[in-house]
């Protein structure tokens, strides 16, 4: 593989991972507020189908993406109402919704299977596109991929550098203390769950109108990506930059499975196609291994210098979830 092919391939990885980046940051917002939205998988499928139908019917990509965001926001609003207002299990509501949305997308999208619709086009940025290597990778993309780049920086700045971001983190960590200081905990949770759902909903049309153009029902290749989104959020420690890196890692693994296929002809193609999924799970387990008690015992048995080096590495990878994630808030 020559250098030019490698750069083009990596540019493709950024494009293919963009929907995952947007969805994982959306779920990060929701979980930072203390709400687990397990409907992500079904939401991506339903918004991919719904936005494709809107695009075919109207010919408008703008309306299609608006439809995808609205579908995601509506599903997330149901999760928020059931868990925040009705105080029911977030896990149960989200799991039922993801199954319902998945089957609904297959049923309603059946008449549109195989139809051709409008697609996002590439919009190179003048001058920047001429930068060697970086120009091809970052500045010859479609508008939604550019949006994913901006979203990473914007979400990190919002969460860690603004007062509303401080309130968001407080609500997810210590809602009682945040309430005592005047934060409207339930409203904050509603707002960020809905916002997160809208971002997850945008991932759907990013697939059906760009990365995996069209709607092909059960063979669309989208079922299961929502669970990867949830895993990446944990992998990324609820930090927008880290979750984006996790999304790009998954995209890279998928690309490598395609690139390596001609050189590994003794391995069935199906094995390489599904390999990124277990590899992502193994990565997630590795990241969380530092939280296990037996690791502390092993570290204690090591000599001082190796122990300190290993401990530093584990601390760098260790993830700690928001303390009130999934815990209902009882307002006195």
Protein backbone atom coordinates (compact mmCIF):
# COMPACT_ATOMS: atom_id res chain seq x y z
CA UNK A 1 0.00 0.00 0.00
CA UNK A 2 1.51 3.32 -1.06
CA UNK A 3 1.31 6.55 0.91
CA UNK A 4 -1.47 8.12 -1.17
CA UNK A 5 -3.69 5.06 -0.78
CA UNK A 6 -3.06 5.04 2.96
CA UNK A 7 -4.05 8.71 3.31
CA UNK A 8 -7.23 8.17 1.27
CA UNK A 9 -8.04 5.13 3.40
CA UNK A 10 -7.60 7.09 6.64
CA UNK A 11 -9.79 9.87 5.24
CA UNK A 12 -12.42 7.20 4.66
CA UNK A 13 -12.06 6.07 8.27
CA UNK A 14 -12.84 9.60 9.47
CA UNK A 15 -15.95 9.66 7.26
CA UNK A 16 -17.14 6.22 8.31
CA UNK A 17 -16.58 6.94 12.01
CA UNK A 18 -18.33 10.33 11.94
CA UNK A 19 -21.82 8.91 12.75
CA UNK A 20 -20.36 7.00 15.70
CA UNK A 21 -18.62 10.17 16.91
CA UNK A 22 -21.88 12.14 16.85
CA UNK A 23 -23.87 9.33 18.51
CA UNK A 24 -21.30 8.68 21.24
CA UNK A 25 -21.07 12.36 22.14
CA UNK A 26 -24.86 12.51 22.26
CA UNK A 27 -24.97 9.55 24.65
CA UNK A 28 -22.15 11.15 26.65
CA UNK A 29 -24.33 14.21 27.26
CA UNK A 30 -27.23 12.05 28.44
CA UNK A 31 -25.12 9.88 30.74
CA UNK A 32 -23.25 12.88 32.13
CA UNK A 33 -26.67 14.05 33.30
CA UNK A 34 -27.33 10.68 34.94
CA UNK A 35 -29.60 9.05 32.34
CA UNK A 36 -28.73 5.83 30.51
CA UNK A 37 -30.40 5.81 27.10
CA UNK A 38 -30.31 2.17 25.99
CA UNK A 39 -32.56 2.93 23.01
CA UNK A 40 -29.52 4.03 20.95
CA UNK A 41 -29.43 0.98 18.68
CA UNK A 42 -33.10 1.22 17.75
CA UNK A 43 -32.91 5.00 17.44
CA UNK A 44 -30.12 4.80 14.86
CA UNK A 45 -32.11 2.29 12.79
CA UNK A 46 -35.38 4.23 13.00
CA UNK A 47 -33.78 7.60 12.23
CA UNK A 48 -31.79 6.08 9.34
CA UNK A 49 -35.00 4.73 7.84
CA UNK A 50 -37.14 7.78 8.60
CA UNK A 51 -34.63 10.29 7.26
CA UNK A 52 -34.11 8.24 4.11
CA UNK A 53 -37.87 8.18 3.51
CA UNK A 54 -38.02 11.96 3.97
CA UNK A 55 -35.07 12.42 1.61
CA UNK A 56 -36.69 10.24 -1.07
CA UNK A 57 -40.09 11.89 -0.65
CA UNK A 58 -38.95 15.50 -0.57
CA UNK A 59 -35.52 15.45 -2.21
CA UNK A 60 -34.25 17.61 0.67
CA UNK A 61 -31.23 16.52 2.70
CA UNK A 62 -31.84 19.31 5.20
CA UNK A 63 -35.35 18.03 5.98
CA UNK A 64 -34.01 14.49 6.15
CA UNK A 65 -31.46 15.39 8.82
CA UNK A 66 -34.02 17.41 10.74
CA UNK A 67 -36.31 14.37 10.67
CA UNK A 68 -33.51 12.15 11.98
CA UNK A 69 -32.77 14.53 14.86
CA UNK A 70 -36.48 14.80 15.74
CA UNK A 71 -36.88 11.02 15.79
CA UNK A 72 -33.90 10.69 18.11
CA UNK A 73 -35.13 13.48 20.37
CA UNK A 74 -38.64 11.96 20.58
CA UNK A 75 -37.35 8.51 21.53
CA UNK A 76 -35.03 10.04 24.13
CA UNK A 77 -37.90 12.11 25.49
CA UNK A 78 -39.85 8.91 26.10
CA UNK A 79 -36.86 7.51 28.00
CA UNK A 80 -36.63 10.73 30.02
CA UNK A 81 -40.35 10.81 30.85
CA UNK A 82 -40.43 7.17 31.88
CA UNK A 83 -37.31 7.35 34.02
CA UNK A 84 -37.39 10.89 35.41
CA UNK A 85 -41.09 11.61 35.82
CA UNK A 86 -42.48 8.09 36.25
CA UNK A 87 -39.31 6.87 38.03
CA UNK A 88 -39.24 3.57 36.16
CA UNK A 89 -36.11 1.60 35.27
CA UNK A 90 -34.00 3.41 32.69
CA UNK A 91 -32.52 0.12 31.53
CA UNK A 92 -35.90 -1.55 31.02
CA UNK A 93 -37.42 1.41 29.18
CA UNK A 94 -34.41 1.85 26.92
CA UNK A 95 -34.13 -1.84 26.11
CA UNK A 96 -37.80 -2.16 25.20
CA UNK A 97 -37.61 0.99 23.08
CA UNK A 98 -34.56 -0.20 21.16
CA UNK A 99 -36.36 -3.42 20.21
CA UNK A 100 -39.55 -1.54 19.30
CA UNK A 101 -37.73 1.07 17.19
CA UNK A 102 -35.69 -1.59 15.40
CA UNK A 103 -38.74 -3.62 14.38
CA UNK A 104 -40.70 -0.47 13.53
CA UNK A 105 -37.93 0.70 11.21
CA UNK A 106 -37.96 -2.62 9.35
CA UNK A 107 -41.76 -2.61 9.06
CA UNK A 108 -42.23 1.02 7.96
CA UNK A 109 -39.15 1.04 5.76
CA UNK A 110 -40.06 -2.07 3.79
CA UNK A 111 -41.72 -0.17 0.85
CA UNK A 112 -38.55 1.94 0.43
CA UNK A 113 -36.01 -0.87 0.38
CA UNK A 114 -33.59 -0.62 -2.52
CA UNK A 115 -34.76 2.83 -3.64
CA UNK A 116 -32.23 5.47 -4.59
CA UNK A 117 -32.20 8.78 -2.79
CA UNK A 118 -30.06 11.91 -2.51
CA UNK A 119 -26.65 11.61 -0.88
CA UNK A 120 -24.29 13.93 0.91
CA UNK A 121 -21.56 15.22 -1.38
CA UNK A 122 -17.97 16.08 -0.55
CA UNK A 123 -17.21 19.79 -0.03
CA UNK A 124 -13.46 20.45 -0.04
CA UNK A 125 -12.39 23.54 1.90
CA UNK A 126 -10.43 25.91 -0.37
CA UNK A 127 -6.73 26.33 0.45
CA UNK A 128 -6.91 23.87 3.36
CA UNK A 129 -7.54 21.00 0.98
CA UNK A 130 -4.12 21.62 -0.58
CA UNK A 131 -2.21 20.93 2.65
CA UNK A 132 -0.18 17.73 2.14
CA UNK A 133 -1.70 14.67 3.83
CA UNK A 134 -3.89 16.64 6.27
CA UNK A 135 -5.77 18.33 3.42
CA UNK A 136 -6.90 15.00 1.99
CA UNK A 137 -7.73 13.51 5.39
CA UNK A 138 -9.54 16.39 7.07
CA UNK A 139 -10.57 18.99 4.51
CA UNK A 140 -12.08 16.94 1.68
CA UNK A 141 -15.11 15.68 3.58
CA UNK A 142 -18.87 16.14 3.60
CA UNK A 143 -20.54 18.71 5.83
CA UNK A 144 -21.61 16.21 8.51
CA UNK A 145 -18.06 14.92 8.92
CA UNK A 146 -16.94 18.52 9.43
CA UNK A 147 -19.78 18.82 11.95
CA UNK A 148 -18.40 15.80 13.86
CA UNK A 149 -14.98 17.51 14.11
CA UNK A 150 -16.54 20.69 15.50
CA UNK A 151 -18.78 18.71 17.84
CA UNK A 152 -15.82 17.03 19.52
CA UNK A 153 -14.19 20.35 20.44
CA UNK A 154 -17.49 22.05 21.22
CA UNK A 155 -18.74 19.27 23.50
CA UNK A 156 -15.44 19.12 25.41
CA UNK A 157 -15.42 22.89 25.88
CA UNK A 158 -19.07 22.92 26.98
CA UNK A 159 -18.71 20.12 29.53
CA UNK A 160 -15.37 21.10 31.06
CA UNK A 161 -15.01 24.86 30.50
CA UNK A 162 -18.46 26.42 30.98
CA UNK A 163 -20.79 26.98 33.92
CA UNK A 164 -23.67 25.00 32.30
CA UNK A 165 -21.18 22.17 31.83
CA UNK A 166 -20.30 22.35 35.52
CA UNK A 167 -24.00 22.10 36.36
CA UNK A 168 -24.31 19.11 34.02
CA UNK A 169 -21.44 17.30 35.74
CA UNK A 170 -22.82 18.16 39.18
CA UNK A 171 -26.24 16.76 38.27
CA UNK A 172 -24.63 13.52 37.11
CA UNK A 173 -22.34 13.23 40.14
CA UNK A 174 -24.21 14.72 43.11
CA UNK A 175 -27.74 15.77 42.13
CA UNK A 176 -28.72 16.51 45.74
CA UNK A 177 -25.85 19.00 46.11
CA UNK A 178 -26.64 20.52 42.70
CA UNK A 179 -30.31 20.91 43.72
CA UNK A 180 -29.30 22.55 46.99
CA UNK A 181 -27.34 25.12 44.97
CA UNK A 182 -30.33 25.95 42.81
CA UNK A 183 -29.95 23.57 39.86
CA UNK A 184 -33.20 22.24 38.40
CA UNK A 185 -32.03 18.64 38.31
CA UNK A 186 -34.99 17.10 36.49
CA UNK A 187 -35.07 19.85 33.88
CA UNK A 188 -31.32 19.47 33.26
CA UNK A 189 -31.74 15.73 32.83
CA UNK A 190 -34.65 16.20 30.45
CA UNK A 191 -32.70 18.73 28.40
CA UNK A 192 -29.49 16.73 28.01
CA UNK A 193 -31.26 13.42 27.45
CA UNK A 194 -33.27 15.01 24.65
CA UNK A 195 -30.20 16.74 23.21
CA UNK A 196 -28.26 13.50 23.35
CA UNK A 197 -31.11 11.68 21.63
CA UNK A 198 -31.18 14.28 18.85
CA UNK A 199 -27.46 13.76 18.23
CA UNK A 200 -27.95 9.98 18.19
CA UNK A 201 -30.78 10.57 15.72
CA UNK A 202 -28.41 12.47 13.43
CA UNK A 203 -26.22 9.37 13.19
CA UNK A 204 -29.03 7.57 11.34
CA UNK A 205 -29.13 9.81 8.25
CA UNK A 206 -25.34 10.07 8.33
CA UNK A 207 -25.42 6.35 7.58
CA UNK A 208 -28.38 6.09 5.20
CA UNK A 209 -27.52 9.25 3.24
CA UNK A 210 -23.73 8.92 3.20
CA UNK A 211 -21.72 6.09 4.74
CA UNK A 212 -24.16 3.25 3.97
CA UNK A 213 -26.30 5.01 1.39
CA UNK A 214 -29.88 3.79 1.02
CA UNK A 215 -32.17 1.66 3.13
CA UNK A 216 -31.85 -2.12 2.93
CA UNK A 217 -33.81 -3.25 5.97
CA UNK A 218 -32.25 -6.09 7.94
CA UNK A 219 -29.18 -6.15 5.68
CA UNK A 220 -28.41 -2.45 6.15
CA UNK A 221 -25.55 -3.35 8.46
CA UNK A 222 -26.66 -0.89 11.15
CA UNK A 223 -28.10 -3.27 13.73
CA UNK A 224 -25.62 -3.60 16.58
CA UNK A 225 -23.85 -0.27 16.11
CA UNK A 226 -25.90 1.27 18.91
CA UNK A 227 -24.45 -1.21 21.39
CA UNK A 228 -20.97 -0.29 20.18
CA UNK A 229 -21.87 3.36 20.87
CA UNK A 230 -22.73 2.49 24.47
CA UNK A 231 -19.47 0.57 24.86
CA UNK A 232 -17.41 3.42 23.40
CA UNK A 233 -18.94 5.89 25.86
CA UNK A 234 -17.65 3.74 28.72
CA UNK A 235 -14.31 3.25 26.95
CA UNK A 236 -14.03 7.02 26.59
CA UNK A 237 -14.75 7.69 30.28
CA UNK A 238 -17.61 10.05 29.37
CA UNK A 239 -15.12 12.49 27.86
CA UNK A 240 -15.98 13.75 24.33
CA UNK A 241 -12.37 13.59 23.13
CA UNK A 242 -11.81 10.06 24.41
CA UNK A 243 -15.13 8.75 23.09
CA UNK A 244 -14.30 10.24 19.69
CA UNK A 245 -10.95 8.43 19.74
CA UNK A 246 -12.84 5.23 20.58
CA UNK A 247 -15.13 5.78 17.59
CA UNK A 248 -12.15 6.33 15.31
CA UNK A 249 -10.49 3.19 16.71
CA UNK A 250 -13.58 1.16 15.81
CA UNK A 251 -13.66 2.73 12.34
CA UNK A 252 -9.97 1.91 11.90
CA UNK A 253 -10.54 -1.72 12.90
CA UNK A 254 -13.35 -2.00 10.35
CA UNK A 255 -11.13 -0.53 7.63
CA UNK A 256 -8.28 -2.86 8.50
CA UNK A 257 -10.62 -5.85 8.24
CA UNK A 258 -11.26 -4.86 4.61
CA UNK A 259 -7.63 -4.03 3.81
CA UNK A 260 -6.27 -7.25 5.29
CA UNK A 261 -8.80 -9.54 3.64
CA UNK A 262 -6.78 -10.10 0.40
CA UNK A 263 -3.68 -10.95 2.44
CA UNK A 264 -5.44 -13.40 4.78
CA UNK A 265 -7.29 -15.59 2.33
CA UNK A 266 -7.13 -18.55 4.67
CA UNK A 267 -9.45 -16.75 7.06
CA UNK A 268 -13.18 -16.60 6.15
CA UNK A 269 -14.26 -13.06 5.22
CA UNK A 270 -17.05 -13.20 7.81
CA UNK A 271 -14.48 -13.52 10.60
CA UNK A 272 -12.69 -10.33 9.56
CA UNK A 273 -15.99 -8.49 9.11
CA UNK A 274 -17.11 -9.15 12.69
CA UNK A 275 -13.61 -8.93 14.23
CA UNK A 276 -13.91 -5.20 15.17
CA UNK A 277 -16.82 -5.99 17.51
CA UNK A 278 -15.05 -8.49 19.84
CA UNK A 279 -11.86 -6.44 19.60
CA UNK A 280 -13.78 -3.39 20.86
CA UNK A 281 -15.19 -5.46 23.72
CA UNK A 282 -11.70 -6.69 24.64
CA UNK A 283 -10.44 -3.11 24.58
CA UNK A 284 -13.30 -2.11 26.88
CA UNK A 285 -12.40 -4.92 29.29
CA UNK A 286 -8.75 -3.85 29.24
CA UNK A 287 -9.68 -0.27 30.05
CA UNK A 288 -11.81 -1.37 33.01
CA UNK A 289 -9.40 -3.98 34.34
CA UNK A 290 -7.83 -1.42 36.65
CA UNK A 291 -11.04 -1.27 38.68
CA UNK A 292 -10.75 -4.93 39.73
CA UNK A 293 -9.60 -5.78 43.26
CA UNK A 294 -7.29 -8.57 42.09
CA UNK A 295 -5.28 -6.02 40.08
CA UNK A 296 -4.53 -4.14 43.29
CA UNK A 297 -3.30 -7.37 44.89
CA UNK A 298 -1.06 -8.14 41.91
CA UNK A 299 0.37 -4.62 41.98
CA UNK A 300 1.12 -4.93 45.68
CA UNK A 301 3.27 -7.99 44.97
CA UNK A 302 5.43 -6.21 42.38
CA UNK A 303 8.75 -4.47 43.12
CA UNK A 304 8.45 -0.76 43.74
CA UNK A 305 9.62 0.63 40.38
CA UNK A 306 7.56 -1.69 38.14
CA UNK A 307 4.59 -1.23 40.48
CA UNK A 308 4.69 2.56 40.11
CA UNK A 309 5.02 2.35 36.31
CA UNK A 310 2.13 -0.11 35.95
CA UNK A 311 -0.01 1.87 38.41
CA UNK A 312 0.49 5.07 36.40
CA UNK A 313 -0.53 3.28 33.21
CA UNK A 314 -3.64 1.85 34.85
CA UNK A 315 -4.62 5.23 36.31
CA UNK A 316 -4.35 6.79 32.85
CA UNK A 317 -6.74 4.21 31.42
CA UNK A 318 -9.10 3.80 34.36
CA UNK A 319 -12.64 5.02 33.89
CA UNK A 320 -15.05 6.14 36.60
CA UNK A 321 -18.69 6.55 35.71
CA UNK A 322 -20.82 9.47 36.93
CA UNK A 323 -21.90 8.53 40.45
CA UNK A 324 -25.61 9.07 39.86
CA UNK A 325 -25.75 7.37 36.46
CA UNK A 326 -29.01 5.44 36.32
CA UNK A 327 -30.04 6.55 39.82
CA UNK A 328 -33.43 8.35 40.07
CA UNK A 329 -33.42 11.72 41.79
CA UNK A 330 -36.00 12.15 44.55
CA UNK A 331 -36.78 15.83 45.01
CA UNK A 332 -37.86 16.55 48.57
